[in-house]
Each structure stands twice: as C-alpha cells, then as structure tokens.
Amino acid sequence: MWRFIETNLPNYYTRDDVLRSDILLRFIENDDVWGEDLKWIEEEFKSDIHLVKKELVRLETRFITESLRSYYGIER
C-alpha cells in the first residue's frame, strides 16, 4: 500500500500530513520520536494510542483515496 501511495500521492515528499502520519506511526510502534513531537502528541491526543490510531486511519484513508484519484486521473 505505501509504495502505491508514495508513487501516486501528489507532493508525497513535501506534505506535512505525510510527515505527521510518519511521526504518529513511529509513536505507536514505540520508535524514536523527537521531544517536540511528543509534546504535540500529548497535547492533541493525550498520548492515547487509540486516538493516535484513529488519526492514522483518517490520514491513511485520505492518502489512498487521493493516490487512487491521481492514478486514475480523476479530479475531485
């Protein structure tokens, strides 16, 4: 799935929402997360993994939808 998104999502490498998703995924996987990012995760999600996962589903659903539209050449 991620290879498809990476290839077809417009501006994949410069999007803040993609970076946000990456940070949140690292958080739930107990990987390294920068201190400032841990602060906003605490502020926005109370460091609740369930809430973070819900946000990841929301973001990733949007990414795949946008990627499919781009792949098939469909405008919004």
PDB file of N, CA and C in Angstrom:
ATOM      1  N   MET A   1       0.824  -1.188   0.000  1.00  0.00           N
ATOM      2  CA  MET A   1       0.000   0.000   0.000  1.00  0.00           C
ATOM      3  C   MET A   1       0.872   1.258   0.000  1.00  0.00           C
ATOM      4  N   TRP A   2       1.890   1.297   0.885  1.00  0.00           N
ATOM      5  CA  TRP A   2       2.685   2.518   0.984  1.00  0.00           C
ATOM      6  C   TRP A   2       3.478   2.811  -0.277  1.00  0.00           C
ATOM      7  N   ARG A   3       3.921   1.785  -0.979  1.00  0.00           N
ATOM      8  CA  ARG A   3       4.647   2.013  -2.237  1.00  0.00           C
ATOM      9  C   ARG A   3       3.718   2.695  -3.241  1.00  0.00           C
ATOM     10  N   PHE A   4       2.463   2.242  -3.297  1.00  0.00           N
ATOM     11  CA  PHE A   4       1.476   2.846  -4.190  1.00  0.00           C
ATOM     12  C   PHE A   4       1.234   4.310  -3.804  1.00  0.00           C
ATOM     13  N   ILE A   5       1.065   4.560  -2.525  1.00  0.00           N
ATOM     14  CA  ILE A   5       0.844   5.928  -2.052  1.00  0.00           C
ATOM     15  C   ILE A   5       2.057   6.794  -2.375  1.00  0.00           C
ATOM     16  N   GLU A   6       3.233   6.301  -2.066  1.00  0.00           N
ATOM     17  CA  GLU A   6       4.461   7.059  -2.321  1.00  0.00           C
ATOM     18  C   GLU A   6       4.583   7.428  -3.804  1.00  0.00           C
ATOM     19  N   THR A   7       4.215   6.515  -4.659  1.00  0.00           N
ATOM     20  CA  THR A   7       4.331   6.736  -6.106  1.00  0.00           C
ATOM     21  C   THR A   7       3.250   7.663  -6.652  1.00  0.00           C
ATOM     22  N   ASN A   8       2.056   7.617  -6.085  1.00  0.00           N
ATOM     23  CA  ASN A   8       0.914   8.305  -6.695  1.00  0.00           C
ATOM     24  C   ASN A   8       0.334   9.490  -5.926  1.00  0.00           C
ATOM     25  N   LEU A   9       0.705   9.649  -4.678  1.00  0.00           N
ATOM     26  CA  LEU A   9       0.171  10.769  -3.909  1.00  0.00           C
ATOM     27  C   LEU A   9       0.890  12.053  -4.322  1.00  0.00           C
ATOM     28  N   PRO A  10       0.148  13.032  -4.818  1.00  0.00           N
ATOM     29  CA  PRO A  10       0.794  14.288  -5.233  1.00  0.00           C
ATOM     30  C   PRO A  10       1.605  14.912  -4.090  1.00  0.00           C
ATOM     31  N   ASN A  11       2.806  15.326  -4.416  1.00  0.00           N
ATOM     32  CA  ASN A  11       3.699  16.009  -3.470  1.00  0.00           C
ATOM     33  C   ASN A  11       4.017  15.178  -2.228  1.00  0.00           C
ATOM     34  N   TYR A  12       4.082  13.888  -2.377  1.00  0.00           N
ATOM     35  CA  TYR A  12       4.299  12.973  -1.249  1.00  0.00           C
ATOM     36  C   TYR A  12       5.453  13.415  -0.351  1.00  0.00           C
ATOM     37  N   TYR A  13       6.573  13.760  -0.935  1.00  0.00           N
ATOM     38  CA  TYR A  13       7.785  14.040  -0.156  1.00  0.00           C
ATOM     39  C   TYR A  13       7.795  15.404   0.529  1.00  0.00           C
ATOM     40  N   THR A  14       6.840  16.257   0.237  1.00  0.00           N
ATOM     41  CA  THR A  14       6.841  17.592   0.831  1.00  0.00           C
ATOM     42  C   THR A  14       5.585  17.887   1.646  1.00  0.00           C
ATOM     43  N   ARG A  15       4.763  16.900   1.865  1.00  0.00           N
ATOM     44  CA  ARG A  15       3.486  17.119   2.547  1.00  0.00           C
ATOM     45  C   ARG A  15       3.632  17.004   4.067  1.00  0.00           C
ATOM     46  N   ASP A  16       3.071  17.979   4.760  1.00  0.00           N
ATOM     47  CA  ASP A  16       3.089  17.955   6.225  1.00  0.00           C
ATOM     48  C   ASP A  16       2.241  16.820   6.782  1.00  0.00           C
ATOM     49  N   ASP A  17       1.136  16.480   6.100  1.00  0.00           N
ATOM     50  CA  ASP A  17       0.290  15.407   6.609  1.00  0.00           C
ATOM     51  C   ASP A  17       0.970  14.042   6.500  1.00  0.00           C
ATOM     52  N   VAL A  18       1.829  13.863   5.509  1.00  0.00           N
ATOM     53  CA  VAL A  18       2.596  12.624   5.393  1.00  0.00           C
ATOM     54  C   VAL A  18       3.622  12.552   6.532  1.00  0.00           C
ATOM     55  N   LEU A  19       4.264  13.664   6.815  1.00  0.00           N
ATOM     56  CA  LEU A  19       5.206  13.718   7.928  1.00  0.00           C
ATOM     57  C   LEU A  19       4.480  13.441   9.242  1.00  0.00           C
ATOM     58  N   ARG A  20       3.325  14.031   9.412  1.00  0.00           N
ATOM     59  CA  ARG A  20       2.509  13.816  10.619  1.00  0.00           C
ATOM     60  C   ARG A  20       2.190  12.332  10.785  1.00  0.00           C
ATOM     61  N   SER A  21       1.780  11.705   9.708  1.00  0.00           N
ATOM     62  CA  SER A  21       1.470  10.280   9.735  1.00  0.00           C
ATOM     63  C   SER A  21       2.695   9.463  10.140  1.00  0.00           C
ATOM     64  N   ASP A  22       3.836   9.794   9.576  1.00  0.00           N
ATOM     65  CA  ASP A  22       5.072   9.085   9.900  1.00  0.00           C
ATOM     66  C   ASP A  22       5.411   9.211  11.391  1.00  0.00           C
ATOM     67  N   ILE A  23       5.278  10.405  11.921  1.00  0.00           N
ATOM     68  CA  ILE A  23       5.575  10.630  13.339  1.00  0.00           C
ATOM     69  C   ILE A  23       4.618   9.837  14.223  1.00  0.00           C
ATOM     70  N   LEU A  24       3.332   9.861  13.880  1.00  0.00           N
ATOM     71  CA  LEU A  24       2.347   9.133  14.674  1.00  0.00           C
ATOM     72  C   LEU A  24       2.573   7.625  14.604  1.00  0.00           C
ATOM     73  N   LEU A  25       2.943   7.133  13.437  1.00  0.00           N
ATOM     74  CA  LEU A  25       3.226   5.707  13.303  1.00  0.00           C
ATOM     75  C   LEU A  25       4.436   5.312  14.150  1.00  0.00           C
ATOM     76  N   ARG A  26       5.463   6.149  14.130  1.00  0.00           N
ATOM     77  CA  ARG A  26       6.629   5.872  14.966  1.00  0.00           C
ATOM     78  C   ARG A  26       6.253   5.871  16.445  1.00  0.00           C
ATOM     79  N   PHE A  27       5.335   6.759  16.817  1.00  0.00           N
ATOM     80  CA  PHE A  27       4.877   6.812  18.210  1.00  0.00           C
ATOM     81  C   PHE A  27       4.205   5.505  18.621  1.00  0.00           C
ATOM     82  N   ILE A  28       3.267   5.007  17.816  1.00  0.00           N
ATOM     83  CA  ILE A  28       2.558   3.787  18.224  1.00  0.00           C
ATOM     84  C   ILE A  28       3.449   2.548  18.126  1.00  0.00           C
ATOM     85  N   GLU A  29       4.496   2.620  17.308  1.00  0.00           N
ATOM     86  CA  GLU A  29       5.420   1.493  17.197  1.00  0.00           C
ATOM     87  C   GLU A  29       6.559   1.593  18.216  1.00  0.00           C
ATOM     88  N   ASN A  30       6.461   2.589  19.098  1.00  0.00           N
ATOM     89  CA  ASN A  30       7.456   2.805  20.143  1.00  0.00           C
ATOM     90  C   ASN A  30       8.850   3.037  19.563  1.00  0.00           C
ATOM     91  N   ASP A  31       8.895   3.711  18.438  1.00  0.00           N
ATOM     92  CA  ASP A  31      10.149   4.062  17.767  1.00  0.00           C
ATOM     93  C   ASP A  31      10.560   5.460  18.244  1.00  0.00           C
ATOM     94  N   ASP A  32      11.708   5.937  17.782  1.00  0.00           N
ATOM     95  CA  ASP A  32      12.194   7.256  18.180  1.00  0.00           C
ATOM     96  C   ASP A  32      11.262   8.359  17.682  1.00  0.00           C
ATOM     97  N   VAL A  33      10.864   9.231  18.602  1.00  0.00           N
ATOM     98  CA  VAL A  33      10.052  10.407  18.278  1.00  0.00           C
ATOM     99  C   VAL A  33      10.698  11.591  18.986  1.00  0.00           C
ATOM    100  N   TRP A  34      10.924  12.654  18.233  1.00  0.00           N
ATOM    101  CA  TRP A  34      11.543  13.869  18.747  1.00  0.00           C
ATOM    102  C   TRP A  34      10.700  14.453  19.884  1.00  0.00           C
ATOM    103  N   GLY A  35      11.354  15.045  20.867  1.00  0.00           N
ATOM    104  CA  GLY A  35      10.682  15.588  22.043  1.00  0.00           C
ATOM    105  C   GLY A  35       9.564  16.559  21.735  1.00  0.00           C
ATOM    106  N   GLU A  36       9.776  17.463  20.782  1.00  0.00           N
ATOM    107  CA  GLU A  36       8.740  18.432  20.414  1.00  0.00           C
ATOM    108  C   GLU A  36       7.515  17.729  19.824  1.00  0.00           C
ATOM    109  N   ASP A  37       7.752  16.657  19.082  1.00  0.00           N
ATOM    110  CA  ASP A  37       6.632  15.898  18.519  1.00  0.00           C
ATOM    111  C   ASP A  37       5.869  15.163  19.625  1.00  0.00           C
ATOM    112  N   LEU A  38       6.586  14.653  20.609  1.00  0.00           N
ATOM    113  CA  LEU A  38       5.919  14.011  21.741  1.00  0.00           C
ATOM    114  C   LEU A  38       5.015  15.008  22.474  1.00  0.00           C
ATOM    115  N   LYS A  39       5.453  16.273  22.535  1.00  0.00           N
ATOM    116  CA  LYS A  39       4.644  17.316  23.180  1.00  0.00           C
ATOM    117  C   LYS A  39       3.317  17.512  22.464  1.00  0.00           C
ATOM    118  N   TRP A  40       3.353  17.639  21.110  1.00  0.00           N
ATOM    119  CA  TRP A  40       2.079  17.874  20.428  1.00  0.00           C
ATOM    120  C   TRP A  40       1.200  16.632  20.426  1.00  0.00           C
ATOM    121  N   ILE A  41       1.822  15.445  20.466  1.00  0.00           N
ATOM    122  CA  ILE A  41       1.018  14.223  20.581  1.00  0.00           C
ATOM    123  C   ILE A  41       0.317  14.192  21.940  1.00  0.00           C
ATOM    124  N   GLU A  42       1.010  14.603  22.973  1.00  0.00           N
ATOM    125  CA  GLU A  42       0.399  14.689  24.292  1.00  0.00           C
ATOM    126  C   GLU A  42      -0.722  15.731  24.303  1.00  0.00           C
ATOM    127  N   GLU A  43      -0.460  16.896  23.721  1.00  0.00           N
ATOM    128  CA  GLU A  43      -1.460  17.970  23.710  1.00  0.00           C
ATOM    129  C   GLU A  43      -2.692  17.605  22.887  1.00  0.00           C
ATOM    130  N   GLU A  44      -2.469  17.019  21.719  1.00  0.00           N
ATOM    131  CA  GLU A  44      -3.588  16.746  20.813  1.00  0.00           C
ATOM    132  C   GLU A  44      -4.292  15.421  21.095  1.00  0.00           C
ATOM    133  N   PHE A  45      -3.537  14.420  21.530  1.00  0.00           N
ATOM    134  CA  PHE A  45      -4.102  13.080  21.692  1.00  0.00           C
ATOM    135  C   PHE A  45      -3.978  12.535  23.109  1.00  0.00           C
ATOM    136  N   LYS A  46      -3.450  13.333  24.030  1.00  0.00           N
ATOM    137  CA  LYS A  46      -3.220  12.881  25.412  1.00  0.00           C
ATOM    138  C   LYS A  46      -2.360  11.614  25.439  1.00  0.00           C
ATOM    139  N   SER A  47      -1.533  11.452  24.402  1.00  0.00           N
ATOM    140  CA  SER A  47      -0.663  10.279  24.241  1.00  0.00           C
ATOM    141  C   SER A  47      -1.451   8.966  24.251  1.00  0.00           C
ATOM    142  N   ASP A  48      -2.716   9.039  23.885  1.00  0.00           N
ATOM    143  CA  ASP A  48      -3.604   7.878  23.847  1.00  0.00           C
ATOM    144  C   ASP A  48      -3.415   7.148  22.517  1.00  0.00           C
ATOM    145  N   ILE A  49      -2.880   5.948  22.577  1.00  0.00           N
ATOM    146  CA  ILE A  49      -2.578   5.195  21.351  1.00  0.00           C
ATOM    147  C   ILE A  49      -3.840   4.953  20.528  1.00  0.00           C
ATOM    148  N   HIS A  50      -4.973   4.716  21.182  1.00  0.00           N
ATOM    149  CA  HIS A  50      -6.231   4.505  20.447  1.00  0.00           C
ATOM    150  C   HIS A  50      -6.595   5.742  19.622  1.00  0.00           C
ATOM    151  N   LEU A  51      -6.460   6.921  20.203  1.00  0.00           N
ATOM    152  CA  LEU A  51      -6.761   8.156  19.467  1.00  0.00           C
ATOM    153  C   LEU A  51      -5.768   8.380  18.334  1.00  0.00           C
ATOM    154  N   VAL A  52      -4.513   8.050  18.571  1.00  0.00           N
ATOM    155  CA  VAL A  52      -3.492   8.192  17.530  1.00  0.00           C
ATOM    156  C   VAL A  52      -3.802   7.240  16.377  1.00  0.00           C
ATOM    157  N   LYS A  53      -4.202   6.024  16.676  1.00  0.00           N
ATOM    158  CA  LYS A  53      -4.552   5.060  15.626  1.00  0.00           C
ATOM    159  C   LYS A  53      -5.752   5.542  14.812  1.00  0.00           C
ATOM    160  N   LYS A  54      -6.733   6.135  15.477  1.00  0.00           N
ATOM    161  CA  LYS A  54      -7.888   6.683  14.751  1.00  0.00           C
ATOM    162  C   LYS A  54      -7.446   7.778  13.775  1.00  0.00           C
ATOM    163  N   GLU A  55      -6.514   8.606  14.218  1.00  0.00           N
ATOM    164  CA  GLU A  55      -5.993   9.664  13.345  1.00  0.00           C
ATOM    165  C   GLU A  55      -5.218   9.059  12.180  1.00  0.00           C
ATOM    166  N   LEU A  56      -4.451   8.006  12.430  1.00  0.00           N
ATOM    167  CA  LEU A  56      -3.724   7.344  11.341  1.00  0.00           C
ATOM    168  C   LEU A  56      -4.687   6.758  10.311  1.00  0.00           C
ATOM    169  N   VAL A  57      -5.766   6.167  10.762  1.00  0.00           N
ATOM    170  CA  VAL A  57      -6.764   5.628   9.823  1.00  0.00           C
ATOM    171  C   VAL A  57      -7.345   6.760   8.984  1.00  0.00           C
ATOM    172  N   ARG A  58      -7.647   7.877   9.625  1.00  0.00           N
ATOM    173  CA  ARG A  58      -8.199   9.027   8.891  1.00  0.00           C
ATOM    174  C   ARG A  58      -7.210   9.527   7.837  1.00  0.00           C
ATOM    175  N   LEU A  59      -5.957   9.704   8.241  1.00  0.00           N
ATOM    176  CA  LEU A  59      -4.940  10.193   7.307  1.00  0.00           C
ATOM    177  C   LEU A  59      -4.684   9.202   6.173  1.00  0.00           C
ATOM    178  N   GLU A  60      -4.485   7.943   6.523  1.00  0.00           N
ATOM    179  CA  GLU A  60      -4.137   6.948   5.516  1.00  0.00           C
ATOM    180  C   GLU A  60      -5.290   6.681   4.554  1.00  0.00           C
ATOM    181  N   THR A  61      -6.519   6.793   5.031  1.00  0.00           N
ATOM    182  CA  THR A  61      -7.680   6.672   4.143  1.00  0.00           C
ATOM    183  C   THR A  61      -7.658   7.800   3.121  1.00  0.00           C
ATOM    184  N   ARG A  62      -7.359   8.995   3.584  1.00  0.00           N
ATOM    185  CA  ARG A  62      -7.267  10.140   2.666  1.00  0.00           C
ATOM    186  C   ARG A  62      -6.123   9.955   1.674  1.00  0.00           C
ATOM    187  N   PHE A  63      -4.974   9.456   2.148  1.00  0.00           N
ATOM    188  CA  PHE A  63      -3.832   9.241   1.255  1.00  0.00           C
ATOM    189  C   PHE A  63      -4.174   8.242   0.148  1.00  0.00           C
ATOM    190  N   ILE A  64      -4.773   7.136   0.506  1.00  0.00           N
ATOM    191  CA  ILE A  64      -5.071   6.121  -0.505  1.00  0.00           C
ATOM    192  C   ILE A  64      -6.133   6.625  -1.471  1.00  0.00           C
ATOM    193  N   THR A  65      -7.114   7.360  -0.981  1.00  0.00           N
ATOM    194  CA  THR A  65      -8.144   7.922  -1.861  1.00  0.00           C
ATOM    195  C   THR A  65      -7.516   8.910  -2.844  1.00  0.00           C
ATOM    196  N   GLU A  66      -6.688   9.797  -2.339  1.00  0.00           N
ATOM    197  CA  GLU A  66      -6.015  10.769  -3.213  1.00  0.00           C
ATOM    198  C   GLU A  66      -5.097  10.078  -4.214  1.00  0.00           C
ATOM    199  N   SER A  67      -4.402   9.056  -3.763  1.00  0.00           N
ATOM    200  CA  SER A  67      -3.492   8.311  -4.637  1.00  0.00           C
ATOM    201  C   SER A  67      -4.254   7.610  -5.754  1.00  0.00           C
ATOM    202  N   LEU A  68      -5.379   7.009  -5.415  1.00  0.00           N
ATOM    203  CA  LEU A  68      -6.200   6.339  -6.429  1.00  0.00           C
ATOM    204  C   LEU A  68      -6.750   7.344  -7.435  1.00  0.00           C
ATOM    205  N   ARG A  69      -7.209   8.487  -6.953  1.00  0.00           N
ATOM    206  CA  ARG A  69      -7.707   9.525  -7.870  1.00  0.00           C
ATOM    207  C   ARG A  69      -6.600   9.979  -8.817  1.00  0.00           C
ATOM    208  N   SER A  70      -5.408  10.154  -8.273  1.00  0.00           N
ATOM    209  CA  SER A  70      -4.278  10.558  -9.098  1.00  0.00           C
ATOM    210  C   SER A  70      -3.926   9.467 -10.119  1.00  0.00           C
ATOM    211  N   TYR A  71      -3.877   8.238  -9.672  1.00  0.00           N
ATOM    212  CA  TYR A  71      -3.534   7.111 -10.531  1.00  0.00           C
ATOM    213  C   TYR A  71      -4.504   6.994 -11.710  1.00  0.00           C
ATOM    214  N   TYR A  72      -5.799   7.167 -11.417  1.00  0.00           N
ATOM    215  CA  TYR A  72      -6.814   7.048 -12.466  1.00  0.00           C
ATOM    216  C   TYR A  72      -7.114   8.362 -13.189  1.00  0.00           C
ATOM    217  N   GLY A  73      -6.437   9.424 -12.776  1.00  0.00           N
ATOM    218  CA  GLY A  73      -6.630  10.717 -13.441  1.00  0.00           C
ATOM    219  C   GLY A  73      -7.989  11.328 -13.183  1.00  0.00           C
ATOM    220  N   ILE A  74      -8.515  11.107 -11.992  1.00  0.00           N
ATOM    221  CA  ILE A  74      -9.836  11.625 -11.636  1.00  0.00           C
ATOM    222  C   ILE A  74      -9.663  12.864 -10.769  1.00  0.00           C
ATOM    223  N   GLU A  75     -10.288  13.942 -11.194  1.00  0.00           N
ATOM    224  CA  GLU A  75     -10.275  15.176 -10.400  1.00  0.00           C
ATOM    225  C   GLU A  75     -11.274  15.039  -9.270  1.00  0.00           C
ATOM    226  N   ARG A  76     -11.090  15.819  -8.246  1.00  0.00           N
ATOM    227  CA  ARG A  76     -12.016  15.797  -7.091  1.00  0.00           C
ATOM    228  C   ARG A  76     -13.393  16.090  -7.492  1.00  0.00           C
TER     229      ARG A  76
END
